């Protein structure tokens, strides 16, 4: 994976240094770069296509932004769940998984809570994690990432 240098203003750098615990800044920057490129590419295609294609592309962009917001909210919710409700063994098992970004992440969460996948149904996991709210696959992925990030931050102090 290539490296790049990013220069930020001194006051922004000071604010970044003050964030505790320090997040993975490269992950945040990569997501921002990806979002920006996707928006620019979508706008370029809108300008080239006819009206219906422009509408479709505009709605696709809106969908991407909505999914991004959903995932960011889920990340925060996952951190909060790990902080206040999750058990150590659940987080330990969850830390071994890589988020796949698909419906399989529901099984990752289920297996973290019930390794045998025989005692707990998805509805019970949804109640434990989300208060039984209907959530998207992207939300589940973001939720797992948030829980994993918090656990990784404190793991060596447990």
N, C-alpha and C. Protein backbone atom coordinates (compact mmCIF):
# COMPACT_ATOMS: atom_id res chain seq x y z
N UNK A 1 0.85 -1.16 0.00
CA UNK A 1 0.00 0.00 0.00
C UNK A 1 0.90 1.23 0.00
N UNK A 2 0.69 2.16 -0.92
CA UNK A 2 1.57 3.33 -0.99
C UNK A 2 1.35 4.28 0.18
N UNK A 3 2.38 5.03 0.50
CA UNK A 3 2.31 6.05 1.53
C UNK A 3 2.23 7.41 0.86
N UNK A 4 1.53 8.34 1.51
CA UNK A 4 1.50 9.72 1.05
C UNK A 4 1.72 10.62 2.27
N UNK A 5 2.17 11.82 2.02
CA UNK A 5 2.30 12.81 3.09
C UNK A 5 1.12 13.75 3.00
N UNK A 6 0.56 14.08 4.14
CA UNK A 6 -0.54 15.03 4.22
C UNK A 6 -0.11 16.12 5.18
N UNK A 7 -0.20 17.35 4.75
CA UNK A 7 0.17 18.47 5.59
C UNK A 7 -1.11 19.11 6.13
N UNK A 8 -1.10 19.39 7.42
CA UNK A 8 -2.25 20.03 8.06
C UNK A 8 -1.77 21.28 8.79
N UNK A 9 -2.68 22.20 9.02
CA UNK A 9 -2.35 23.42 9.74
C UNK A 9 -1.92 23.08 11.17
N UNK A 10 -1.08 23.94 11.73
CA UNK A 10 -0.57 23.71 13.09
C UNK A 10 -1.68 23.55 14.12
N UNK A 11 -2.73 24.39 14.01
CA UNK A 11 -3.81 24.30 15.00
C UNK A 11 -4.58 22.99 14.86
N UNK A 12 -4.75 22.49 13.64
CA UNK A 12 -5.41 21.20 13.45
C UNK A 12 -4.55 20.08 14.02
N UNK A 13 -3.26 20.12 13.77
CA UNK A 13 -2.35 19.11 14.31
C UNK A 13 -2.41 19.09 15.84
N UNK A 14 -2.47 20.24 16.45
CA UNK A 14 -2.55 20.32 17.91
C UNK A 14 -3.85 19.68 18.40
N UNK A 15 -4.94 19.93 17.69
CA UNK A 15 -6.23 19.33 18.06
C UNK A 15 -6.17 17.82 17.87
N UNK A 16 -5.52 17.36 16.80
CA UNK A 16 -5.39 15.93 16.57
C UNK A 16 -4.58 15.27 17.69
N UNK A 17 -3.51 15.93 18.10
CA UNK A 17 -2.66 15.40 19.17
C UNK A 17 -3.41 15.32 20.50
N UNK A 18 -4.41 16.18 20.67
CA UNK A 18 -5.16 16.22 21.93
C UNK A 18 -6.23 15.13 22.01
N UNK A 19 -6.55 14.49 20.90
CA UNK A 19 -7.59 13.45 20.91
C UNK A 19 -7.04 12.24 21.67
N UNK A 20 -7.79 11.83 22.67
CA UNK A 20 -7.38 10.70 23.49
C UNK A 20 -8.54 9.76 23.68
N UNK A 21 -8.44 8.53 23.31
CA UNK A 21 -7.28 7.89 22.72
C UNK A 21 -7.16 8.24 21.24
N UNK A 22 -5.96 8.20 20.75
CA UNK A 22 -5.70 8.57 19.35
C UNK A 22 -6.33 7.56 18.41
N UNK A 23 -7.14 8.02 17.46
CA UNK A 23 -7.72 7.09 16.49
C UNK A 23 -6.69 6.74 15.41
N UNK A 24 -7.10 5.88 14.51
CA UNK A 24 -6.26 5.53 13.37
C UNK A 24 -6.49 6.60 12.31
N UNK A 25 -5.62 7.61 12.32
CA UNK A 25 -5.80 8.76 11.43
C UNK A 25 -5.76 8.36 9.97
N UNK A 26 -4.98 7.35 9.62
CA UNK A 26 -4.91 6.95 8.21
C UNK A 26 -6.26 6.39 7.76
N UNK A 27 -6.98 5.68 8.64
CA UNK A 27 -8.31 5.16 8.29
C UNK A 27 -9.28 6.31 8.05
N UNK A 28 -9.22 7.32 8.89
CA UNK A 28 -10.11 8.48 8.75
C UNK A 28 -9.79 9.23 7.46
N UNK A 29 -8.50 9.44 7.20
CA UNK A 29 -8.11 10.16 5.99
C UNK A 29 -8.46 9.38 4.74
N UNK A 30 -8.23 8.07 4.75
CA UNK A 30 -8.55 7.24 3.60
C UNK A 30 -10.04 7.30 3.29
N UNK A 31 -10.88 7.23 4.32
CA UNK A 31 -12.33 7.31 4.11
C UNK A 31 -12.71 8.66 3.50
N UNK A 32 -12.09 9.73 3.99
CA UNK A 32 -12.39 11.07 3.46
C UNK A 32 -11.94 11.19 2.01
N UNK A 33 -10.75 10.67 1.69
CA UNK A 33 -10.27 10.71 0.31
C UNK A 33 -11.19 9.91 -0.61
N UNK A 34 -11.60 8.74 -0.15
CA UNK A 34 -12.48 7.88 -0.94
C UNK A 34 -13.81 8.57 -1.19
N UNK A 35 -14.40 9.16 -0.15
CA UNK A 35 -15.67 9.88 -0.30
C UNK A 35 -15.55 11.02 -1.31
N UNK A 36 -14.48 11.79 -1.19
CA UNK A 36 -14.29 12.93 -2.07
C UNK A 36 -14.15 12.47 -3.53
N UNK A 37 -13.33 11.44 -3.75
CA UNK A 37 -13.15 10.92 -5.12
C UNK A 37 -14.46 10.38 -5.68
N UNK A 38 -15.24 9.67 -4.86
CA UNK A 38 -16.52 9.14 -5.31
C UNK A 38 -17.47 10.26 -5.70
N UNK A 39 -17.49 11.32 -4.92
CA UNK A 39 -18.36 12.45 -5.24
C UNK A 39 -17.94 13.12 -6.54
N UNK A 40 -16.64 13.34 -6.71
CA UNK A 40 -16.14 13.96 -7.94
C UNK A 40 -16.42 13.09 -9.16
N UNK A 41 -16.20 11.80 -9.03
CA UNK A 41 -16.46 10.88 -10.13
C UNK A 41 -17.94 10.87 -10.49
N UNK A 42 -18.78 10.88 -9.47
CA UNK A 42 -20.23 10.87 -9.70
C UNK A 42 -20.66 12.15 -10.40
N UNK A 43 -20.13 13.27 -9.97
CA UNK A 43 -20.49 14.55 -10.61
C UNK A 43 -20.03 14.59 -12.06
N UNK A 44 -18.85 14.04 -12.31
CA UNK A 44 -18.34 14.01 -13.68
C UNK A 44 -19.25 13.16 -14.56
N UNK A 45 -19.72 12.03 -14.04
CA UNK A 45 -20.61 11.17 -14.82
C UNK A 45 -21.96 11.86 -15.04
N UNK A 46 -22.43 12.59 -14.05
CA UNK A 46 -23.71 13.30 -14.18
C UNK A 46 -23.63 14.30 -15.33
N UNK A 47 -22.52 15.00 -15.41
CA UNK A 47 -22.36 16.01 -16.47
C UNK A 47 -22.32 15.37 -17.85
N UNK A 48 -21.85 14.12 -17.95
CA UNK A 48 -21.73 13.45 -19.24
C UNK A 48 -23.00 12.74 -19.67
N UNK A 49 -23.82 12.28 -18.72
CA UNK A 49 -24.98 11.46 -19.02
C UNK A 49 -26.22 12.29 -19.33
N UNK A 50 -27.26 11.60 -19.84
CA UNK A 50 -28.52 12.29 -20.06
C UNK A 50 -29.24 12.49 -18.73
N UNK A 51 -30.41 13.11 -18.74
CA UNK A 51 -31.10 13.49 -17.51
C UNK A 51 -31.41 12.31 -16.59
N UNK A 52 -31.93 11.20 -17.12
CA UNK A 52 -32.29 10.07 -16.26
C UNK A 52 -31.06 9.46 -15.61
N UNK A 53 -29.99 9.35 -16.36
CA UNK A 53 -28.76 8.85 -15.78
C UNK A 53 -28.25 9.79 -14.70
N UNK A 54 -28.43 11.08 -14.89
CA UNK A 54 -28.01 12.05 -13.88
C UNK A 54 -28.82 11.86 -12.59
N UNK A 55 -30.10 11.61 -12.73
CA UNK A 55 -30.95 11.37 -11.56
C UNK A 55 -30.50 10.11 -10.83
N UNK A 56 -30.27 9.05 -11.58
CA UNK A 56 -29.82 7.80 -10.98
C UNK A 56 -28.50 8.00 -10.25
N UNK A 57 -27.58 8.67 -10.87
CA UNK A 57 -26.28 8.89 -10.26
C UNK A 57 -26.39 9.77 -9.02
N UNK A 58 -27.23 10.78 -9.08
CA UNK A 58 -27.43 11.64 -7.91
C UNK A 58 -27.97 10.84 -6.74
N UNK A 59 -28.92 9.96 -7.03
CA UNK A 59 -29.50 9.14 -5.96
C UNK A 59 -28.51 8.10 -5.44
N UNK A 60 -27.67 7.59 -6.32
CA UNK A 60 -26.62 6.66 -5.87
C UNK A 60 -25.68 7.37 -4.90
N UNK A 61 -25.31 8.60 -5.24
CA UNK A 61 -24.44 9.38 -4.38
C UNK A 61 -25.12 9.64 -3.03
N UNK A 62 -26.39 9.97 -3.07
CA UNK A 62 -27.15 10.18 -1.84
C UNK A 62 -27.19 8.91 -1.00
N UNK A 63 -27.35 7.77 -1.67
CA UNK A 63 -27.37 6.49 -0.97
C UNK A 63 -26.02 6.23 -0.31
N UNK A 64 -24.92 6.51 -1.01
CA UNK A 64 -23.58 6.32 -0.44
C UNK A 64 -23.39 7.19 0.79
N UNK A 65 -23.84 8.43 0.72
CA UNK A 65 -23.70 9.33 1.87
C UNK A 65 -24.54 8.83 3.04
N UNK A 66 -25.73 8.32 2.75
CA UNK A 66 -26.60 7.80 3.80
C UNK A 66 -25.96 6.58 4.46
N UNK A 67 -25.41 5.68 3.64
CA UNK A 67 -24.75 4.50 4.18
C UNK A 67 -23.53 4.88 5.01
N UNK A 68 -22.80 5.91 4.56
CA UNK A 68 -21.63 6.38 5.30
C UNK A 68 -22.07 6.91 6.67
N UNK A 69 -23.13 7.71 6.69
CA UNK A 69 -23.64 8.23 7.97
C UNK A 69 -24.09 7.09 8.87
N UNK A 70 -24.78 6.10 8.28
CA UNK A 70 -25.24 4.94 9.03
C UNK A 70 -24.06 4.21 9.66
N UNK A 71 -23.02 4.02 8.89
CA UNK A 71 -21.84 3.29 9.37
C UNK A 71 -21.10 4.08 10.45
N UNK A 72 -21.01 5.41 10.29
CA UNK A 72 -20.35 6.22 11.31
C UNK A 72 -21.13 6.17 12.62
N UNK A 73 -22.45 6.27 12.55
CA UNK A 73 -23.27 6.17 13.76
C UNK A 73 -23.10 4.79 14.39
N UNK A 74 -23.05 3.77 13.57
CA UNK A 74 -22.89 2.40 14.07
C UNK A 74 -21.55 2.24 14.77
N UNK A 75 -20.49 2.85 14.23
CA UNK A 75 -19.17 2.77 14.83
C UNK A 75 -19.22 3.34 16.25
N UNK A 76 -19.84 4.50 16.40
CA UNK A 76 -19.98 5.10 17.73
C UNK A 76 -20.81 4.20 18.65
N UNK A 77 -21.90 3.65 18.12
CA UNK A 77 -22.75 2.76 18.91
C UNK A 77 -22.00 1.50 19.34
N UNK A 78 -21.17 0.97 18.45
CA UNK A 78 -20.37 -0.22 18.77
C UNK A 78 -19.37 0.06 19.88
N UNK A 79 -18.74 1.22 19.83
CA UNK A 79 -17.82 1.62 20.90
C UNK A 79 -18.57 1.74 22.23
N UNK A 80 -19.73 2.35 22.19
CA UNK A 80 -20.51 2.53 23.42
C UNK A 80 -20.96 1.18 23.98
N UNK A 81 -21.39 0.28 23.10
CA UNK A 81 -21.79 -1.07 23.53
C UNK A 81 -20.61 -1.79 24.17
N UNK A 82 -19.44 -1.70 23.55
CA UNK A 82 -18.24 -2.35 24.10
C UNK A 82 -17.88 -1.73 25.45
N UNK A 83 -18.09 -0.44 25.58
CA UNK A 83 -17.75 0.26 26.81
C UNK A 83 -18.70 -0.06 27.95
N UNK A 84 -19.98 -0.25 27.64
CA UNK A 84 -20.98 -0.33 28.70
C UNK A 84 -21.66 -1.68 28.87
N UNK A 85 -21.72 -2.50 27.83
CA UNK A 85 -22.56 -3.69 27.91
C UNK A 85 -21.88 -5.00 27.54
N UNK A 86 -20.93 -4.95 26.64
CA UNK A 86 -20.33 -6.19 26.13
C UNK A 86 -19.52 -6.89 27.21
N UNK A 87 -19.50 -8.19 27.11
CA UNK A 87 -18.68 -9.00 28.02
C UNK A 87 -17.28 -9.16 27.41
N UNK A 88 -16.32 -9.41 28.27
CA UNK A 88 -14.93 -9.58 27.84
C UNK A 88 -14.82 -10.69 26.79
N UNK A 89 -15.43 -11.85 27.05
CA UNK A 89 -15.29 -12.97 26.12
C UNK A 89 -15.89 -12.65 24.76
N UNK A 90 -16.97 -11.88 24.72
CA UNK A 90 -17.55 -11.48 23.44
C UNK A 90 -16.56 -10.61 22.67
N UNK A 91 -15.99 -9.63 23.36
CA UNK A 91 -15.05 -8.72 22.70
C UNK A 91 -13.77 -9.45 22.28
N UNK A 92 -13.34 -10.38 23.10
CA UNK A 92 -12.14 -11.15 22.76
C UNK A 92 -12.37 -11.92 21.46
N UNK A 93 -13.52 -12.60 21.37
CA UNK A 93 -13.82 -13.35 20.14
C UNK A 93 -14.02 -12.39 18.96
N UNK A 94 -14.68 -11.29 19.20
CA UNK A 94 -14.94 -10.31 18.14
C UNK A 94 -13.63 -9.73 17.61
N UNK A 95 -12.64 -9.59 18.47
CA UNK A 95 -11.36 -9.01 18.05
C UNK A 95 -10.61 -9.91 17.07
N UNK A 96 -10.98 -11.17 17.00
CA UNK A 96 -10.29 -12.11 16.10
C UNK A 96 -10.82 -12.06 14.67
N UNK A 97 -11.93 -11.38 14.47
CA UNK A 97 -12.57 -11.37 13.16
C UNK A 97 -12.22 -10.11 12.39
N UNK A 98 -12.19 -10.26 11.09
CA UNK A 98 -12.05 -9.12 10.21
C UNK A 98 -13.44 -8.80 9.67
N UNK A 99 -13.80 -7.53 9.70
CA UNK A 99 -15.10 -7.12 9.20
C UNK A 99 -15.13 -7.34 7.69
N UNK A 100 -16.17 -8.04 7.24
CA UNK A 100 -16.27 -8.40 5.84
C UNK A 100 -17.09 -7.40 5.03
N UNK A 101 -17.93 -6.63 5.72
CA UNK A 101 -18.74 -5.63 5.03
C UNK A 101 -19.91 -6.22 4.29
N UNK A 102 -20.33 -7.40 4.67
CA UNK A 102 -21.45 -8.06 4.01
C UNK A 102 -22.37 -8.63 5.07
N UNK A 103 -23.38 -9.34 4.64
CA UNK A 103 -24.32 -9.97 5.56
C UNK A 103 -23.60 -10.94 6.49
N UNK A 104 -22.43 -11.42 6.10
CA UNK A 104 -21.66 -12.34 6.94
C UNK A 104 -21.29 -11.72 8.28
N UNK A 105 -21.25 -10.40 8.35
CA UNK A 105 -20.91 -9.76 9.61
C UNK A 105 -21.95 -10.03 10.69
N UNK A 106 -23.18 -10.30 10.29
CA UNK A 106 -24.19 -10.70 11.27
C UNK A 106 -23.76 -12.01 11.94
N UNK A 107 -23.23 -12.94 11.15
CA UNK A 107 -22.75 -14.20 11.70
C UNK A 107 -21.52 -14.00 12.57
N UNK A 108 -20.67 -13.04 12.20
CA UNK A 108 -19.49 -12.72 13.02
C UNK A 108 -19.95 -12.29 14.40
N UNK A 109 -20.92 -11.40 14.46
CA UNK A 109 -21.42 -10.91 15.74
C UNK A 109 -22.13 -12.03 16.52
N UNK A 110 -22.91 -12.81 15.82
CA UNK A 110 -23.59 -13.95 16.45
C UNK A 110 -22.57 -14.92 17.04
N UNK A 111 -21.54 -15.23 16.29
CA UNK A 111 -20.53 -16.19 16.76
C UNK A 111 -19.69 -15.62 17.89
N UNK A 112 -19.52 -14.31 17.93
CA UNK A 112 -18.78 -13.71 19.05
C UNK A 112 -19.56 -13.87 20.35
N UNK A 113 -20.88 -13.79 20.26
CA UNK A 113 -21.72 -13.92 21.45
C UNK A 113 -22.00 -15.39 21.77
N UNK A 114 -22.18 -16.20 20.74
CA UNK A 114 -22.44 -17.63 20.93
C UNK A 114 -21.53 -18.43 19.99
N UNK A 115 -20.34 -18.81 20.46
CA UNK A 115 -19.38 -19.50 19.58
C UNK A 115 -19.92 -20.78 18.94
N UNK A 116 -20.85 -21.44 19.60
CA UNK A 116 -21.41 -22.67 19.03
C UNK A 116 -22.48 -22.38 17.99
N UNK A 117 -22.99 -21.15 18.02
CA UNK A 117 -24.09 -20.73 17.15
C UNK A 117 -25.29 -21.65 17.29
N UNK A 118 -25.47 -22.20 18.48
CA UNK A 118 -26.58 -23.11 18.74
C UNK A 118 -27.50 -22.63 19.85
N UNK A 119 -27.01 -21.71 20.69
CA UNK A 119 -27.79 -21.31 21.85
C UNK A 119 -28.53 -19.99 21.66
N UNK A 120 -28.04 -19.14 20.77
CA UNK A 120 -28.61 -17.80 20.60
C UNK A 120 -29.01 -17.61 19.14
N UNK A 121 -30.17 -17.05 18.94
CA UNK A 121 -30.65 -16.71 17.58
C UNK A 121 -30.29 -15.25 17.28
N UNK A 122 -30.33 -14.89 15.99
CA UNK A 122 -29.99 -13.53 15.58
C UNK A 122 -30.86 -12.50 16.30
N UNK A 123 -32.12 -12.78 16.48
CA UNK A 123 -33.01 -11.82 17.15
C UNK A 123 -32.52 -11.49 18.56
N UNK A 124 -31.99 -12.49 19.26
CA UNK A 124 -31.45 -12.25 20.60
C UNK A 124 -30.19 -11.38 20.53
N UNK A 125 -29.36 -11.63 19.54
CA UNK A 125 -28.16 -10.83 19.35
C UNK A 125 -28.56 -9.39 19.03
N UNK A 126 -29.55 -9.23 18.15
CA UNK A 126 -30.02 -7.89 17.80
C UNK A 126 -30.53 -7.16 19.04
N UNK A 127 -31.21 -7.85 19.91
CA UNK A 127 -31.71 -7.23 21.14
C UNK A 127 -30.55 -6.85 22.06
N UNK A 128 -29.57 -7.74 22.20
CA UNK A 128 -28.40 -7.47 23.04
C UNK A 128 -27.62 -6.27 22.52
N UNK A 129 -27.45 -6.20 21.22
CA UNK A 129 -26.58 -5.18 20.63
C UNK A 129 -27.31 -3.90 20.19
N UNK A 130 -28.49 -4.05 19.65
CA UNK A 130 -29.16 -2.91 19.02
C UNK A 130 -30.51 -2.58 19.65
N UNK A 131 -30.86 -3.25 20.72
CA UNK A 131 -32.17 -3.01 21.31
C UNK A 131 -33.29 -3.45 20.39
N UNK A 132 -33.00 -4.43 19.56
CA UNK A 132 -33.98 -5.02 18.63
C UNK A 132 -34.37 -4.10 17.49
N UNK A 133 -33.60 -3.04 17.28
CA UNK A 133 -33.86 -2.15 16.14
C UNK A 133 -33.45 -2.85 14.84
N UNK A 134 -34.17 -2.56 13.78
CA UNK A 134 -33.79 -3.09 12.47
C UNK A 134 -32.56 -2.33 11.99
N UNK A 135 -31.51 -3.05 11.62
CA UNK A 135 -30.27 -2.42 11.20
C UNK A 135 -29.81 -3.00 9.87
N UNK A 136 -29.10 -2.18 9.12
CA UNK A 136 -28.57 -2.61 7.83
C UNK A 136 -27.30 -3.42 8.02
N UNK A 137 -26.89 -4.11 6.96
CA UNK A 137 -25.63 -4.86 7.00
C UNK A 137 -24.46 -3.91 7.25
N UNK A 138 -24.51 -2.73 6.63
CA UNK A 138 -23.45 -1.74 6.84
C UNK A 138 -23.39 -1.28 8.29
N UNK A 139 -24.55 -1.15 8.91
CA UNK A 139 -24.59 -0.76 10.32
C UNK A 139 -23.92 -1.83 11.17
N UNK A 140 -24.22 -3.10 10.90
CA UNK A 140 -23.61 -4.20 11.66
C UNK A 140 -22.09 -4.14 11.51
N UNK A 141 -21.60 -3.92 10.29
CA UNK A 141 -20.16 -3.85 10.06
C UNK A 141 -19.54 -2.70 10.84
N UNK A 142 -20.15 -1.53 10.78
CA UNK A 142 -19.64 -0.38 11.52
C UNK A 142 -19.68 -0.59 13.02
N UNK A 143 -20.73 -1.23 13.50
CA UNK A 143 -20.89 -1.54 14.92
C UNK A 143 -19.75 -2.44 15.39
N UNK A 144 -19.45 -3.47 14.62
CA UNK A 144 -18.36 -4.39 14.97
C UNK A 144 -17.03 -3.63 14.99
N UNK A 145 -16.79 -2.81 13.98
CA UNK A 145 -15.53 -2.05 13.93
C UNK A 145 -15.38 -1.14 15.14
N UNK A 146 -16.46 -0.48 15.54
CA UNK A 146 -16.40 0.38 16.72
C UNK A 146 -16.08 -0.39 17.98
N UNK A 147 -16.73 -1.54 18.16
CA UNK A 147 -16.46 -2.38 19.33
C UNK A 147 -15.02 -2.88 19.30
N UNK A 148 -14.55 -3.30 18.13
CA UNK A 148 -13.18 -3.78 18.00
C UNK A 148 -12.17 -2.67 18.33
N UNK A 149 -12.42 -1.47 17.82
CA UNK A 149 -11.50 -0.36 18.07
C UNK A 149 -11.39 -0.05 19.55
N UNK A 150 -12.51 0.00 20.25
CA UNK A 150 -12.46 0.29 21.68
C UNK A 150 -11.70 -0.82 22.41
N UNK A 151 -12.01 -2.07 22.09
CA UNK A 151 -11.35 -3.19 22.76
C UNK A 151 -9.84 -3.16 22.50
N UNK A 152 -9.45 -2.84 21.28
CA UNK A 152 -8.03 -2.78 20.94
C UNK A 152 -7.32 -1.69 21.75
N UNK A 153 -7.99 -0.58 22.00
CA UNK A 153 -7.41 0.51 22.77
C UNK A 153 -7.12 0.13 24.21
N UNK A 154 -7.96 -0.71 24.79
CA UNK A 154 -7.84 -1.01 26.22
C UNK A 154 -7.37 -2.44 26.50
N UNK A 155 -7.24 -3.23 25.50
CA UNK A 155 -6.95 -4.66 25.66
C UNK A 155 -5.73 -4.94 26.53
N UNK A 156 -4.66 -4.21 26.33
CA UNK A 156 -3.44 -4.49 27.09
C UNK A 156 -3.51 -4.02 28.54
N UNK A 157 -4.57 -3.33 28.91
CA UNK A 157 -4.74 -2.88 30.30
C UNK A 157 -5.70 -3.78 31.08
N UNK A 158 -6.27 -4.78 30.42
CA UNK A 158 -7.25 -5.65 31.08
C UNK A 158 -6.53 -6.81 31.74
